[in-house]
Protein backbone atom coordinates (compact mmCIF):
# COMPACT_ATOMS: atom_id res chain seq x y z
CA UNK A 1 9.74 18.01 -12.51
CA UNK A 2 7.93 14.80 -11.64
CA UNK A 3 4.99 14.66 -9.27
CA UNK A 4 5.25 12.56 -6.12
CA UNK A 5 2.69 10.83 -3.90
CA UNK A 6 3.35 9.33 -0.48
CA UNK A 7 0.88 6.57 0.38
CA UNK A 8 0.90 5.70 4.08
CA UNK A 9 -0.61 2.29 4.86
CA UNK A 10 -1.17 0.08 7.89
CA UNK A 11 0.91 -2.89 8.91
CA UNK A 12 -1.58 -4.03 11.55
CA UNK A 13 -2.46 -7.66 11.02
CA UNK A 14 -4.66 -8.28 14.09
CA UNK A 15 -7.59 -6.53 15.76
CA UNK A 16 -9.05 -7.20 19.19
CA UNK A 17 -9.15 -10.84 20.24
CA UNK A 18 -6.53 -11.67 17.56
CA UNK A 19 -9.05 -11.24 14.75
CA UNK A 20 -7.00 -11.16 11.52
CA UNK A 21 -7.09 -7.94 9.54
CA UNK A 22 -4.98 -5.93 7.15
CA UNK A 23 -5.16 -3.44 4.35
CA UNK A 24 -8.21 -3.58 2.07
CA UNK A 25 -6.50 -4.20 -1.26
CA UNK A 26 -8.96 -2.35 -3.49
CA UNK A 27 -8.72 0.80 -1.35
CA UNK A 28 -4.96 0.82 -1.88
CA UNK A 29 -4.91 -0.61 -5.39
CA UNK A 30 -7.50 1.65 -7.00
CA UNK A 31 -5.69 4.76 -5.75
CA UNK A 32 -2.28 3.36 -6.73
CA UNK A 33 -3.43 2.60 -10.28
CA UNK A 34 -4.96 6.07 -10.74
CA UNK A 35 -1.89 7.85 -9.34
CA UNK A 36 0.34 5.80 -11.63
CA UNK A 37 -1.85 6.57 -14.67
CA UNK A 38 -1.64 10.27 -13.81
CA UNK A 39 2.15 10.07 -13.93
CA UNK A 40 2.95 10.29 -10.23
CA UNK A 41 6.02 8.70 -8.69
CA UNK A 42 4.64 6.72 -5.74
CA UNK A 43 6.30 5.96 -2.42
CA UNK A 44 4.58 3.51 -0.07
CA UNK A 45 5.40 3.66 3.65
CA UNK A 46 4.02 2.69 7.05
CA UNK A 47 4.94 3.54 10.64
CA UNK A 48 6.96 0.31 10.97
CA UNK A 49 7.88 -0.53 7.36
CA UNK A 50 8.22 -4.06 6.07
CA UNK A 51 5.29 -5.96 4.61
CA UNK A 52 1.77 -4.57 4.73
CA UNK A 53 -0.70 -7.42 5.26
CA UNK A 54 -3.71 -7.64 2.96
CA UNK A 55 -7.03 -8.48 4.60
CA UNK A 56 -8.04 -11.83 3.08
CA UNK A 57 -11.67 -10.72 2.99
CA UNK A 58 -10.71 -8.01 0.50
CA UNK A 59 -9.80 -10.75 -1.97
CA UNK A 60 -13.21 -12.42 -1.86
CA UNK A 61 -15.43 -11.92 -4.85
CA UNK A 62 -14.27 -10.37 -8.06
CA UNK A 63 -11.08 -8.33 -7.89
CA UNK A 64 -9.51 -7.22 -11.15
CA UNK A 65 -6.05 -8.44 -12.03
CA UNK A 66 -4.93 -4.81 -12.24
CA UNK A 67 -5.78 -4.35 -8.54
CA UNK A 68 -4.32 -7.72 -7.55
CA UNK A 69 -1.06 -6.70 -9.24
CA UNK A 70 -0.68 -3.73 -6.88
CA UNK A 71 -0.11 -6.09 -3.93
CA UNK A 72 3.54 -6.39 -5.00
CA UNK A 73 4.02 -2.77 -3.86
CA UNK A 74 3.16 -3.84 -0.30
CA UNK A 75 5.89 -6.46 0.07
CA UNK A 76 8.75 -4.30 1.33
CA UNK A 77 7.55 -0.81 2.18
CA UNK A 78 9.58 1.95 3.74
CA UNK A 79 9.46 2.88 7.39
CA UNK A 80 7.83 6.29 7.54
CA UNK A 81 10.49 7.95 9.69
CA UNK A 82 13.23 6.96 7.23
CA UNK A 83 11.82 9.17 4.51
CA UNK A 84 13.93 12.30 4.49
CA UNK A 85 13.56 13.35 0.86
CA UNK A 86 10.23 14.05 -0.77
CA UNK A 87 11.58 12.41 -3.93
CA UNK A 88 12.45 9.10 -2.25
CA UNK A 89 10.76 6.27 -4.14
CA UNK A 90 9.82 2.66 -3.62
């Protein structure tokens, strides 16, 4: 039996006064990489689904390619209330 992880992320792209924001890529990416290495099947979802924005400030400085590569898993995420099976994957 495979192990499953559900990662719930934000899709908020603005804070007060229209200040741009988004998900901090390393916070998502580091966990994603470790879960994957441990053999988990990973599902990524948010309350509204779609694309999870990455906060541009999280890309400043040195970010490993391994972490940058996890951004592809944020392109078309599931809407949280559509997950009806704990083994659903995307």
